Amino acid sequence: MAEQRFPVPRLQGVSREQFMEHLYPQRKPLVLEGLDLGSCTSKWTVDYLSQVGGTKEVKIHVAAVPQMDFISKNFVYRTLPFNKLVQRAAEETHKEFFISEDEKYYLRSLGEDPRKDVADIRQQFPSLGGDITFPMFFREEQFFSSVFRISSPGLQLWTHYDVMDNFLIQVTGKKRITLFNPRDAQYLYLSGSKSEVLNIDSPDLDKYPLFPKARRYECSLEAGDVLFIPALWFHNVVSEEFGVGVNIFWKHLPSECYDTTDTYGNKDPVAASRAVQILDRALKTLAELPEEYRDFYARQMVLRIQDKAYSKNFE
């Protein structure tokens, strides 16, 4: 089966009212152009980031291969001064390195205490946070985090979903983003919130035969572009150049729906986690039956879930 590919729509000069009233309710990815992002798009060169960002120690992912895998953990965590990270991430090859001279670097900024604090560029990097203007398309009380990201050229991040809505602001550099509809989750070979399919452009179809059925939504982000990623949409990111970005996450659901221990914005809502636990207990109970009965009652359960929980309002 041939893959279905769709371009992510691009719109320029969208106002908050247009976005919230007409675009946001559609719950589909969208590239917004021409938003006021402050001076960061012109200021954030390698030299400026190195100088202004300073020598604060940051925890980073370091990988010997371009395709980073969060399931097998094919990377190591290391610490570098921020200015050294910027300089190394902007290089193709390195005189100083941890694993190999062409290793890739990835920064996903953290709160002061990652177990309790969310990331917010305005707090962790105040000297840089003042350069960026957030698109205030949501209410202030919905704000969850602003995550500073730096990627080496060629780095590809694993396909995953987040449980909160997200503006991916591409400040400098260029990224290629591939997104998958939440309704196509059954084709993505999931392990938790992550897909096992690393090479989405040339997948192993013996191992992942259903993957081509997943609809692909694609876009390129240039400096100054903002990608709206609705909650639960899977996304895969390739940094085609050294790039700096900021993700703004905000709560789409009432606050009480989210896990209070979640500082990354990627834990499933409390009700969803509880439902999965109940399902696991049900499956364990079914395992007490012979295969013929187990199969029969499991199929009945699937039909009940389809009837009671599947929505007809989404593609």
C-alpha atoms as a PDB file:
ATOM      1  CA  MET A   1       0.000   0.000   0.000  1.00  0.00           C
ATOM      2  CA  ALA A   2       1.407   3.407  -0.989  1.00  0.00           C
ATOM      3  CA  GLU A   3       1.870   5.953   1.752  1.00  0.00           C
ATOM      4  CA  GLN A   4      -0.565   8.840   1.896  1.00  0.00           C
ATOM      5  CA  ARG A   5       1.287  12.164   2.229  1.00  0.00           C
ATOM      6  CA  PHE A   6      -0.267  15.537   2.928  1.00  0.00           C
ATOM      7  CA  PRO A   7       1.331  18.973   3.286  1.00  0.00           C
ATOM      8  CA  VAL A   8       0.709  20.797   6.547  1.00  0.00           C
ATOM      9  CA  PRO A   9      -1.173  24.017   5.677  1.00  0.00           C
ATOM     10  CA  ARG A  10       0.739  27.295   6.041  1.00  0.00           C
ATOM     11  CA  LEU A  11      -0.971  30.567   6.958  1.00  0.00           C
ATOM     12  CA  GLN A  12       0.488  34.054   7.384  1.00  0.00           C
ATOM     13  CA  GLY A  13      -0.502  36.804   9.804  1.00  0.00           C
ATOM     14  CA  VAL A  14      -3.044  34.759  11.753  1.00  0.00           C
ATOM     15  CA  SER A  15      -4.563  36.645  14.684  1.00  0.00           C
ATOM     16  CA  ARG A  16      -5.377  35.143  18.048  1.00  0.00           C
ATOM     17  CA  GLU A  17      -9.102  35.422  17.276  1.00  0.00           C
ATOM     18  CA  GLN A  18      -8.733  33.652  13.931  1.00  0.00           C
ATOM     19  CA  PHE A  19      -6.670  30.898  15.469  1.00  0.00           C
ATOM     20  CA  MET A  20      -8.884  30.238  18.501  1.00  0.00           C
ATOM     21  CA  GLU A  21     -12.250  30.548  16.727  1.00  0.00           C
ATOM     22  CA  HIS A  22     -11.587  28.878  13.378  1.00  0.00           C
ATOM     23  CA  LEU A  23      -8.306  26.934  13.339  1.00  0.00           C
ATOM     24  CA  TYR A  24      -7.729  25.588  16.842  1.00  0.00           C
ATOM     25  CA  PRO A  25     -11.065  23.685  17.008  1.00  0.00           C
ATOM     26  CA  GLN A  26     -10.057  21.645  13.944  1.00  0.00           C
ATOM     27  CA  ARG A  27      -7.303  19.955  15.988  1.00  0.00           C
ATOM     28  CA  LYS A  28      -4.936  19.670  13.022  1.00  0.00           C
ATOM     29  CA  PRO A  29      -1.288  20.732  12.555  1.00  0.00           C
ATOM     30  CA  LEU A  30      -0.699  24.164  11.068  1.00  0.00           C
ATOM     31  CA  VAL A  31       2.364  26.274  10.233  1.00  0.00           C
ATOM     32  CA  LEU A  32       1.972  29.924  11.208  1.00  0.00           C
ATOM     33  CA  GLU A  33       4.155  32.479   9.455  1.00  0.00           C
ATOM     34  CA  GLY A  34       4.877  36.107  10.252  1.00  0.00           C
ATOM     35  CA  LEU A  35       4.177  36.041  13.984  1.00  0.00           C
ATOM     36  CA  ASP A  36       5.983  38.492  16.252  1.00  0.00           C
ATOM     37  CA  LEU A  37       8.617  36.368  17.984  1.00  0.00           C
ATOM     38  CA  GLY A  38      10.820  39.200  19.247  1.00  0.00           C
ATOM     39  CA  SER A  39      14.468  39.779  18.415  1.00  0.00           C
ATOM     40  CA  CYS A  40      15.555  36.140  18.833  1.00  0.00           C
ATOM     41  CA  THR A  41      15.271  35.307  15.111  1.00  0.00           C
ATOM     42  CA  SER A  42      17.951  37.862  14.261  1.00  0.00           C
ATOM     43  CA  LYS A  43      20.025  37.769  17.463  1.00  0.00           C
ATOM     44  CA  TRP A  44      20.478  34.062  18.141  1.00  0.00           C
ATOM     45  CA  THR A  45      23.642  33.356  16.200  1.00  0.00           C
ATOM     46  CA  VAL A  46      26.193  30.853  17.462  1.00  0.00           C
ATOM     47  CA  ASP A  47      28.432  33.660  18.765  1.00  0.00           C
ATOM     48  CA  TYR A  48      25.566  35.488  20.495  1.00  0.00           C
ATOM     49  CA  LEU A  49      24.181  32.335  22.142  1.00  0.00           C
ATOM     50  CA  SER A  50      27.638  31.316  23.314  1.00  0.00           C
ATOM     51  CA  GLN A  51      28.382  34.731  24.761  1.00  0.00           C
ATOM     52  CA  VAL A  52      25.019  35.610  26.306  1.00  0.00           C
ATOM     53  CA  GLY A  53      24.005  32.075  27.312  1.00  0.00           C
ATOM     54  CA  GLY A  54      27.140  31.764  29.397  1.00  0.00           C
ATOM     55  CA  THR A  55      28.776  28.783  31.060  1.00  0.00           C
ATOM     56  CA  LYS A  56      25.780  27.323  32.864  1.00  0.00           C
ATOM     57  CA  GLU A  57      26.055  23.515  32.929  1.00  0.00           C
ATOM     58  CA  VAL A  58      23.373  21.742  30.886  1.00  0.00           C
ATOM     59  CA  LYS A  59      22.473  18.067  30.599  1.00  0.00           C
ATOM     60  CA  ILE A  60      22.444  16.861  26.994  1.00  0.00           C
ATOM     61  CA  HIS A  61      21.849  13.760  24.874  1.00  0.00           C
ATOM     62  CA  VAL A  62      24.892  12.602  22.903  1.00  0.00           C
ATOM     63  CA  ALA A  63      24.511  10.019  20.122  1.00  0.00           C
ATOM     64  CA  ALA A  64      26.975   8.405  17.731  1.00  0.00           C
ATOM     65  CA  VAL A  65      24.244   8.005  15.087  1.00  0.00           C
ATOM     66  CA  PRO A  66      21.800  10.553  13.626  1.00  0.00           C
ATOM     67  CA  GLN A  67      18.611   8.634  14.502  1.00  0.00           C
ATOM     68  CA  MET A  68      18.086   8.970  18.229  1.00  0.00           C
ATOM     69  CA  ASP A  69      16.037   6.183  19.806  1.00  0.00           C
ATOM     70  CA  PHE A  70      14.370   6.758  23.155  1.00  0.00           C
ATOM     71  CA  ILE A  71      13.225   3.128  23.426  1.00  0.00           C
ATOM     72  CA  SER A  72      16.626   1.416  23.127  1.00  0.00           C
ATOM     73  CA  LYS A  73      18.408   4.507  24.537  1.00  0.00           C
ATOM     74  CA  ASN A  74      21.113   4.601  21.850  1.00  0.00           C
ATOM     75  CA  PHE A  75      22.578   7.736  23.394  1.00  0.00           C
ATOM     76  CA  VAL A  76      24.316   8.818  26.579  1.00  0.00           C
ATOM     77  CA  TYR A  77      23.645  11.743  28.880  1.00  0.00           C
ATOM     78  CA  ARG A  78      26.518  14.129  29.377  1.00  0.00           C
ATOM     79  CA  THR A  79      27.010  17.615  30.817  1.00  0.00           C
ATOM     80  CA  LEU A  80      28.586  20.607  29.095  1.00  0.00           C
ATOM     81  CA  PRO A  81      28.757  24.340  29.718  1.00  0.00           C
ATOM     82  CA  PHE A  82      26.030  25.943  27.606  1.00  0.00           C
ATOM     83  CA  ASN A  83      28.474  27.924  25.457  1.00  0.00           C
ATOM     84  CA  LYS A  84      30.485  24.764  24.699  1.00  0.00           C
ATOM     85  CA  LEU A  85      27.309  22.904  23.747  1.00  0.00           C
ATOM     86  CA  VAL A  86      26.310  25.624  21.270  1.00  0.00           C
ATOM     87  CA  GLN A  87      29.743  25.610  19.660  1.00  0.00           C
ATOM     88  CA  ARG A  88      29.906  21.828  19.386  1.00  0.00           C
ATOM     89  CA  ALA A  89      26.324  21.424  18.171  1.00  0.00           C
ATOM     90  CA  ALA A  90      27.017  23.880  15.342  1.00  0.00           C
ATOM     91  CA  GLU A  91      29.945  21.744  14.104  1.00  0.00           C
ATOM     92  CA  GLU A  92      29.774  18.802  11.713  1.00  0.00           C
ATOM     93  CA  THR A  93      32.853  17.186  13.292  1.00  0.00           C
ATOM     94  CA  HIS A  94      34.494  17.833  16.635  1.00  0.00           C
ATOM     95  CA  LYS A  95      38.016  18.091  17.967  1.00  0.00           C
ATOM     96  CA  GLU A  96      36.647  17.452  21.435  1.00  0.00           C
ATOM     97  CA  PHE A  97      34.007  14.735  21.814  1.00  0.00           C
ATOM     98  CA  PHE A  98      32.551  12.079  24.148  1.00  0.00           C
ATOM     99  CA  ILE A  99      31.924   9.154  21.754  1.00  0.00           C
ATOM    100  CA  SER A 100      33.016   9.997  18.215  1.00  0.00           C
ATOM    101  CA  GLU A 101      34.167  13.011  16.233  1.00  0.00           C
ATOM    102  CA  ASP A 102      30.839  13.188  14.352  1.00  0.00           C
ATOM    103  CA  GLU A 103      28.568  12.648  17.370  1.00  0.00           C
ATOM    104  CA  LYS A 104      25.239  14.484  17.563  1.00  0.00           C
ATOM    105  CA  TYR A 105      24.027  16.713  20.392  1.00  0.00           C
ATOM    106  CA  TYR A 106      20.540  17.434  21.623  1.00  0.00           C
ATOM    107  CA  LEU A 107      19.491  19.783  24.406  1.00  0.00           C
ATOM    108  CA  ARG A 108      16.028  19.586  25.878  1.00  0.00           C
ATOM    109  CA  SER A 109      16.079  22.167  28.663  1.00  0.00           C
ATOM    110  CA  LEU A 110      14.957  21.129  32.146  1.00  0.00           C
ATOM    111  CA  GLY A 111      13.599  22.837  35.224  1.00  0.00           C
ATOM    112  CA  GLU A 112      15.971  23.656  38.080  1.00  0.00           C
ATOM    113  CA  ASP A 113      14.847  20.425  39.771  1.00  0.00           C
ATOM    114  CA  PRO A 114      13.473  18.260  36.923  1.00  0.00           C
ATOM    115  CA  ARG A 115      11.524  16.136  39.402  1.00  0.00           C
ATOM    116  CA  LYS A 116       9.505  19.148  40.560  1.00  0.00           C
ATOM    117  CA  ASP A 117      10.023  22.041  38.159  1.00  0.00           C
ATOM    118  CA  VAL A 118       8.950  22.439  34.536  1.00  0.00           C
ATOM    119  CA  ALA A 119      11.234  23.957  31.926  1.00  0.00           C
ATOM    120  CA  ASP A 120      10.783  27.675  31.287  1.00  0.00           C
ATOM    121  CA  ILE A 121      13.372  29.467  29.176  1.00  0.00           C
ATOM    122  CA  ARG A 122      12.555  32.715  30.978  1.00  0.00           C
ATOM    123  CA  GLN A 123      13.727  31.199  34.268  1.00  0.00           C
ATOM    124  CA  GLN A 124      16.524  28.832  33.216  1.00  0.00           C
ATOM    125  CA  PHE A 125      17.994  31.219  30.611  1.00  0.00           C
ATOM    126  CA  PRO A 126      16.802  34.708  31.620  1.00  0.00           C
ATOM    127  CA  SER A 127      19.475  36.456  29.532  1.00  0.00           C
ATOM    128  CA  LEU A 128      18.009  34.798  26.419  1.00  0.00           C
ATOM    129  CA  GLY A 129      14.383  34.544  27.489  1.00  0.00           C
ATOM    130  CA  GLY A 130      13.925  38.282  27.096  1.00  0.00           C
ATOM    131  CA  ASP A 131      14.714  38.013  23.369  1.00  0.00           C
ATOM    132  CA  ILE A 132      11.709  35.839  22.555  1.00  0.00           C
ATOM    133  CA  THR A 133       8.040  36.806  22.438  1.00  0.00           C
ATOM    134  CA  PHE A 134       5.609  33.937  22.944  1.00  0.00           C
ATOM    135  CA  PRO A 135       2.520  33.758  20.688  1.00  0.00           C
ATOM    136  CA  MET A 136      -0.158  34.447  23.304  1.00  0.00           C
ATOM    137  CA  PHE A 137      -2.916  32.490  21.628  1.00  0.00           C
ATOM    138  CA  PHE A 138      -3.930  30.781  24.869  1.00  0.00           C
ATOM    139  CA  ARG A 139      -4.841  32.001  28.338  1.00  0.00           C
ATOM    140  CA  GLU A 140      -1.949  32.602  30.724  1.00  0.00           C
ATOM    141  CA  GLU A 141      -3.305  30.064  33.218  1.00  0.00           C
ATOM    142  CA  GLN A 142      -3.107  27.374  30.512  1.00  0.00           C
ATOM    143  CA  PHE A 143       0.662  27.828  30.106  1.00  0.00           C
ATOM    144  CA  PHE A 144       2.629  24.744  31.128  1.00  0.00           C
ATOM    145  CA  SER A 145       6.240  25.075  29.946  1.00  0.00           C
ATOM    146  CA  SER A 146       8.622  26.667  27.461  1.00  0.00           C
ATOM    147  CA  VAL A 147      11.329  24.223  26.431  1.00  0.00           C
ATOM    148  CA  PHE A 148      14.614  25.421  24.927  1.00  0.00           C
ATOM    149  CA  ARG A 149      15.944  22.991  22.297  1.00  0.00           C
ATOM    150  CA  ILE A 150      19.251  22.861  20.428  1.00  0.00           C
ATOM    151  CA  SER A 151      20.052  20.209  17.812  1.00  0.00           C
ATOM    152  CA  SER A 152      23.060  19.213  15.748  1.00  0.00           C
ATOM    153  CA  PRO A 153      22.621  19.176  11.972  1.00  0.00           C
ATOM    154  CA  GLY A 154      21.308  15.829  10.774  1.00  0.00           C
ATOM    155  CA  LEU A 155      19.837  14.815  14.116  1.00  0.00           C
ATOM    156  CA  GLN A 156      16.529  12.919  13.949  1.00  0.00           C
ATOM    157  CA  LEU A 157      14.310  12.567  17.012  1.00  0.00           C
ATOM    158  CA  TRP A 158      12.069   9.566  17.564  1.00  0.00           C
ATOM    159  CA  THR A 159       8.371   9.637  16.672  1.00  0.00           C
ATOM    160  CA  HIS A 160       6.254  10.329  19.747  1.00  0.00           C
ATOM    161  CA  TYR A 161       3.179  12.149  21.002  1.00  0.00           C
ATOM    162  CA  ASP A 162       2.675  14.681  23.791  1.00  0.00           C
ATOM    163  CA  VAL A 163      -0.479  15.047  25.878  1.00  0.00           C
ATOM    164  CA  MET A 164      -0.538  18.852  25.712  1.00  0.00           C
ATOM    165  CA  ASP A 165      -0.925  21.276  22.829  1.00  0.00           C
ATOM    166  CA  ASN A 166       2.335  22.666  21.538  1.00  0.00           C
ATOM    167  CA  PHE A 167       3.758  25.552  19.530  1.00  0.00           C
ATOM    168  CA  LEU A 168       7.138  24.585  18.072  1.00  0.00           C
ATOM    169  CA  ILE A 169       8.913  27.876  17.393  1.00  0.00           C
ATOM    170  CA  GLN A 170      11.787  27.516  14.923  1.00  0.00           C
ATOM    171  CA  VAL A 171      14.077  30.387  15.906  1.00  0.00           C
ATOM    172  CA  THR A 172      17.099  29.552  13.733  1.00  0.00           C
ATOM    173  CA  GLY A 173      17.964  26.778  11.301  1.00  0.00           C
ATOM    174  CA  LYS A 174      15.696  24.458   9.385  1.00  0.00           C
ATOM    175  CA  LYS A 175      13.733  21.371  10.431  1.00  0.00           C
ATOM    176  CA  ARG A 176      11.730  18.763   8.561  1.00  0.00           C
ATOM    177  CA  ILE A 177       8.702  17.620  10.524  1.00  0.00           C
ATOM    178  CA  THR A 178       6.611  14.525   9.816  1.00  0.00           C
ATOM    179  CA  LEU A 179       3.367  14.124  11.749  1.00  0.00           C
ATOM    180  CA  PHE A 180       0.919  11.254  12.053  1.00  0.00           C
ATOM    181  CA  ASN A 181      -2.766  11.405  12.878  1.00  0.00           C
ATOM    182  CA  PRO A 182      -3.676  10.007  16.340  1.00  0.00           C
ATOM    183  CA  ARG A 183      -6.277   7.810  14.623  1.00  0.00           C
ATOM    184  CA  ASP A 184      -3.402   5.976  12.892  1.00  0.00           C
ATOM    185  CA  ALA A 185      -1.729   4.907  16.124  1.00  0.00           C
ATOM    186  CA  GLN A 186      -2.374   1.223  15.319  1.00  0.00           C
ATOM    187  CA  TYR A 187       0.069   1.455  12.397  1.00  0.00           C
ATOM    188  CA  LEU A 188       2.956   3.025  14.324  1.00  0.00           C
ATOM    189  CA  TYR A 189       4.085   0.057  16.446  1.00  0.00           C
ATOM    190  CA  LEU A 190       4.002   1.893  19.748  1.00  0.00           C
ATOM    191  CA  SER A 191       5.978   1.359  22.888  1.00  0.00           C
ATOM    192  CA  GLY A 192       4.273   3.706  25.330  1.00  0.00           C
ATOM    193  CA  SER A 193       4.165   7.148  23.705  1.00  0.00           C
ATOM    194  CA  LYS A 194       6.929   6.321  21.204  1.00  0.00           C
ATOM    195  CA  SER A 195       7.026   4.517  17.851  1.00  0.00           C
ATOM    196  CA  GLU A 196       9.471   1.672  17.346  1.00  0.00           C
ATOM    197  CA  VAL A 197       9.909   2.696  13.690  1.00  0.00           C
ATOM    198  CA  LEU A 198      13.079   4.789  13.661  1.00  0.00           C
ATOM    199  CA  ASN A 199      13.691   5.068   9.941  1.00  0.00           C
ATOM    200  CA  ILE A 200      10.341   6.466   8.850  1.00  0.00           C
ATOM    201  CA  ASP A 201      11.595   7.188   5.310  1.00  0.00           C
ATOM    202  CA  SER A 202      12.782   3.632   4.661  1.00  0.00           C
ATOM    203  CA  PRO A 203      11.094   1.405   7.239  1.00  0.00           C
ATOM    204  CA  ASP A 204      11.720  -2.325   7.596  1.00  0.00           C
ATOM    205  CA  LEU A 205       8.430  -3.572   6.141  1.00  0.00           C
ATOM    206  CA  ASP A 206       9.100  -7.166   7.161  1.00  0.00           C
ATOM    207  CA  LYS A 207       9.131  -5.974  10.758  1.00  0.00           C
ATOM    208  CA  TYR A 208       6.602  -3.120  10.375  1.00  0.00           C
ATOM    209  CA  PRO A 209       4.265  -4.143   7.508  1.00  0.00           C
ATOM    210  CA  LEU A 210       1.395  -1.846   8.550  1.00  0.00           C
ATOM    211  CA  PHE A 211       3.486   1.312   8.836  1.00  0.00           C
ATOM    212  CA  PRO A 212       2.775   2.555   5.264  1.00  0.00           C
ATOM    213  CA  LYS A 213      -0.923   2.779   6.176  1.00  0.00           C
ATOM    214  CA  ALA A 214      -0.191   5.678   8.539  1.00  0.00           C
ATOM    215  CA  ARG A 215      -1.005   9.009   6.889  1.00  0.00           C
ATOM    216  CA  ARG A 216       1.979  11.369   6.823  1.00  0.00           C
ATOM    217  CA  TYR A 217       1.632  15.130   7.237  1.00  0.00           C
ATOM    218  CA  GLU A 218       4.830  16.953   6.301  1.00  0.00           C
ATOM    219  CA  CYS A 219       6.301  20.423   6.527  1.00  0.00           C
ATOM    220  CA  SER A 220       9.603  22.266   6.596  1.00  0.00           C
ATOM    221  CA  LEU A 221      10.180  24.877   9.268  1.00  0.00           C
ATOM    222  CA  GLU A 222      12.374  27.860   8.497  1.00  0.00           C
ATOM    223  CA  ALA A 223      13.564  30.480  10.979  1.00  0.00           C
ATOM    224  CA  GLY A 224      10.532  32.388  12.254  1.00  0.00           C
ATOM    225  CA  ASP A 225       7.978  29.643  11.516  1.00  0.00           C
ATOM    226  CA  VAL A 226       5.720  28.301  14.262  1.00  0.00           C
ATOM    227  CA  LEU A 227       4.201  24.816  14.030  1.00  0.00           C
ATOM    228  CA  PHE A 228       1.020  24.082  15.972  1.00  0.00           C
ATOM    229  CA  ILE A 229       1.094  20.432  17.095  1.00  0.00           C
ATOM    230  CA  PRO A 230      -2.200  19.430  18.712  1.00  0.00           C
ATOM    231  CA  ALA A 231      -2.035  17.059  21.671  1.00  0.00           C
ATOM    232  CA  LEU A 232      -1.773  13.366  20.714  1.00  0.00           C
ATOM    233  CA  TRP A 233      -0.453  14.035  17.195  1.00  0.00           C
ATOM    234  CA  PHE A 234       2.691  11.981  16.621  1.00  0.00           C
ATOM    235  CA  HIS A 235       5.693  13.897  15.319  1.00  0.00           C
ATOM    236  CA  ASN A 236       9.173  13.108  14.053  1.00  0.00           C
ATOM    237  CA  VAL A 237      11.751  15.888  13.773  1.00  0.00           C
ATOM    238  CA  VAL A 238      14.869  16.098  11.583  1.00  0.00           C
ATOM    239  CA  SER A 239      17.235  19.044  12.069  1.00  0.00           C
ATOM    240  CA  GLU A 240      18.487  19.724   8.562  1.00  0.00           C
ATOM    241  CA  GLU A 241      20.777  22.458   9.932  1.00  0.00           C
ATOM    242  CA  PHE A 242      22.098  23.459  13.338  1.00  0.00           C
ATOM    243  CA  GLY A 243      18.935  24.770  14.896  1.00  0.00           C
ATOM    244  CA  VAL A 244      17.542  26.465  17.953  1.00  0.00           C
ATOM    245  CA  GLY A 245      13.885  26.239  18.867  1.00  0.00           C
ATOM    246  CA  VAL A 246      11.483  26.764  21.730  1.00  0.00           C
ATOM    247  CA  ASN A 247       8.407  24.664  22.437  1.00  0.00           C
ATOM    248  CA  ILE A 248       5.474  26.279  24.226  1.00  0.00           C
ATOM    249  CA  PHE A 249       3.234  23.680  25.860  1.00  0.00           C
ATOM    250  CA  TRP A 250      -0.153  24.570  27.260  1.00  0.00           C
ATOM    251  CA  LYS A 251      -3.010  22.670  28.815  1.00  0.00           C
ATOM    252  CA  HIS A 252      -5.828  21.739  26.490  1.00  0.00           C
ATOM    253  CA  LEU A 253      -7.736  19.949  29.281  1.00  0.00           C
ATOM    254  CA  PRO A 254      -8.675  21.200  32.762  1.00  0.00           C
ATOM    255  CA  SER A 255      -5.640  21.126  35.077  1.00  0.00           C
ATOM    256  CA  GLU A 256      -7.060  18.343  37.249  1.00  0.00           C
ATOM    257  CA  CYS A 257      -6.946  15.951  34.264  1.00  0.00           C
ATOM    258  CA  TYR A 258      -3.143  15.947  34.247  1.00  0.00           C
ATOM    259  CA  ASP A 259      -0.743  14.003  36.444  1.00  0.00           C
ATOM    260  CA  THR A 260       0.572  16.435  39.064  1.00  0.00           C
ATOM    261  CA  THR A 261       3.995  14.731  38.999  1.00  0.00           C
ATOM    262  CA  ASP A 262       4.418  15.368  35.261  1.00  0.00           C
ATOM    263  CA  THR A 263       7.132  17.985  34.661  1.00  0.00           C
ATOM    264  CA  TYR A 264       7.718  17.052  31.003  1.00  0.00           C
ATOM    265  CA  GLY A 265       4.140  17.208  29.726  1.00  0.00           C
ATOM    266  CA  ASN A 266       4.267  13.655  28.423  1.00  0.00           C
ATOM    267  CA  LYS A 267       2.447  11.555  31.031  1.00  0.00           C
ATOM    268  CA  ASP A 268      -0.966  10.360  29.961  1.00  0.00           C
ATOM    269  CA  PRO A 269      -3.982  12.020  31.608  1.00  0.00           C
ATOM    270  CA  VAL A 270      -4.935  10.502  34.957  1.00  0.00           C
ATOM    271  CA  ALA A 271      -8.155   8.947  33.627  1.00  0.00           C
ATOM    272  CA  ALA A 272      -6.317   7.366  30.690  1.00  0.00           C
ATOM    273  CA  SER A 273      -3.650   5.869  32.952  1.00  0.00           C
ATOM    274  CA  ARG A 274      -6.338   4.503  35.255  1.00  0.00           C
ATOM    275  CA  ALA A 275      -8.213   2.966  32.296  1.00  0.00           C
ATOM    276  CA  VAL A 276      -5.042   1.217  31.072  1.00  0.00           C
ATOM    277  CA  GLN A 277      -4.475  -0.244  34.542  1.00  0.00           C
ATOM    278  CA  ILE A 278      -8.049  -1.568  34.563  1.00  0.00           C
ATOM    279  CA  LEU A 279      -7.525  -3.053  31.094  1.00  0.00           C
ATOM    280  CA  ASP A 280      -4.326  -4.770  32.218  1.00  0.00           C
ATOM    281  CA  ARG A 281      -6.221  -6.344  35.124  1.00  0.00           C
ATOM    282  CA  ALA A 282      -8.994  -7.460  32.752  1.00  0.00           C
ATOM    283  CA  LEU A 283      -6.479  -9.088  30.402  1.00  0.00           C
ATOM    284  CA  LYS A 284      -4.806 -10.822  33.324  1.00  0.00           C
ATOM    285  CA  THR A 285      -8.202 -12.182  34.360  1.00  0.00           C
ATOM    286  CA  LEU A 286      -8.942 -13.411  30.821  1.00  0.00           C
ATOM    287  CA  ALA A 287      -5.642 -15.269  30.847  1.00  0.00           C
ATOM    288  CA  GLU A 288      -7.208 -17.691  33.349  1.00  0.00           C
ATOM    289  CA  LEU A 289      -9.408 -19.079  30.545  1.00  0.00           C
ATOM    290  CA  PRO A 290      -8.467 -21.529  27.771  1.00  0.00           C
ATOM    291  CA  GLU A 291      -7.391 -19.927  24.481  1.00  0.00           C
ATOM    292  CA  GLU A 292     -10.747 -20.483  22.718  1.00  0.00           C
ATOM    293  CA  TYR A 293     -12.684 -18.686  25.484  1.00  0.00           C
ATOM    294  CA  ARG A 294     -10.029 -16.028  25.960  1.00  0.00           C
ATOM    295  CA  ASP A 295     -10.165 -15.160  22.260  1.00  0.00           C
ATOM    296  CA  PHE A 296     -13.973 -15.069  22.210  1.00  0.00           C
ATOM    297  CA  TYR A 297     -14.379 -12.758  25.201  1.00  0.00           C
ATOM    298  CA  ALA A 298     -11.459 -10.536  24.191  1.00  0.00           C
ATOM    299  CA  ARG A 299     -13.140  -9.905  20.828  1.00  0.00           C
ATOM    300  CA  GLN A 300     -16.357  -9.010  22.620  1.00  0.00           C
ATOM    301  CA  MET A 301     -14.421  -6.532  24.761  1.00  0.00           C
ATOM    302  CA  VAL A 302     -12.895  -4.932  21.655  1.00  0.00           C
ATOM    303  CA  LEU A 303     -16.360  -4.523  20.121  1.00  0.00           C
ATOM    304  CA  ARG A 304     -17.661  -2.900  23.294  1.00  0.00           C
ATOM    305  CA  ILE A 305     -14.736  -0.468  23.344  1.00  0.00           C
ATOM    306  CA  GLN A 306     -15.344   0.423  19.701  1.00  0.00           C
ATOM    307  CA  ASP A 307     -19.034   0.978  20.352  1.00  0.00           C
ATOM    308  CA  LYS A 308     -18.651   2.995  23.557  1.00  0.00           C
ATOM    309  CA  ALA A 309     -15.394   4.906  23.124  1.00  0.00           C
ATOM    310  CA  TYR A 310     -14.526   5.359  19.435  1.00  0.00           C
ATOM    311  CA  SER A 311     -15.439   8.790  18.131  1.00  0.00           C
ATOM    312  CA  LYS A 312     -17.132   9.392  14.808  1.00  0.00           C
ATOM    313  CA  ASN A 313     -16.209  13.085  14.891  1.00  0.00           C
ATOM    314  CA  PHE A 314     -12.611  12.605  13.753  1.00  0.00           C
ATOM    315  CA  GLU A 315     -11.059  11.423  10.523  1.00  0.00           C
END
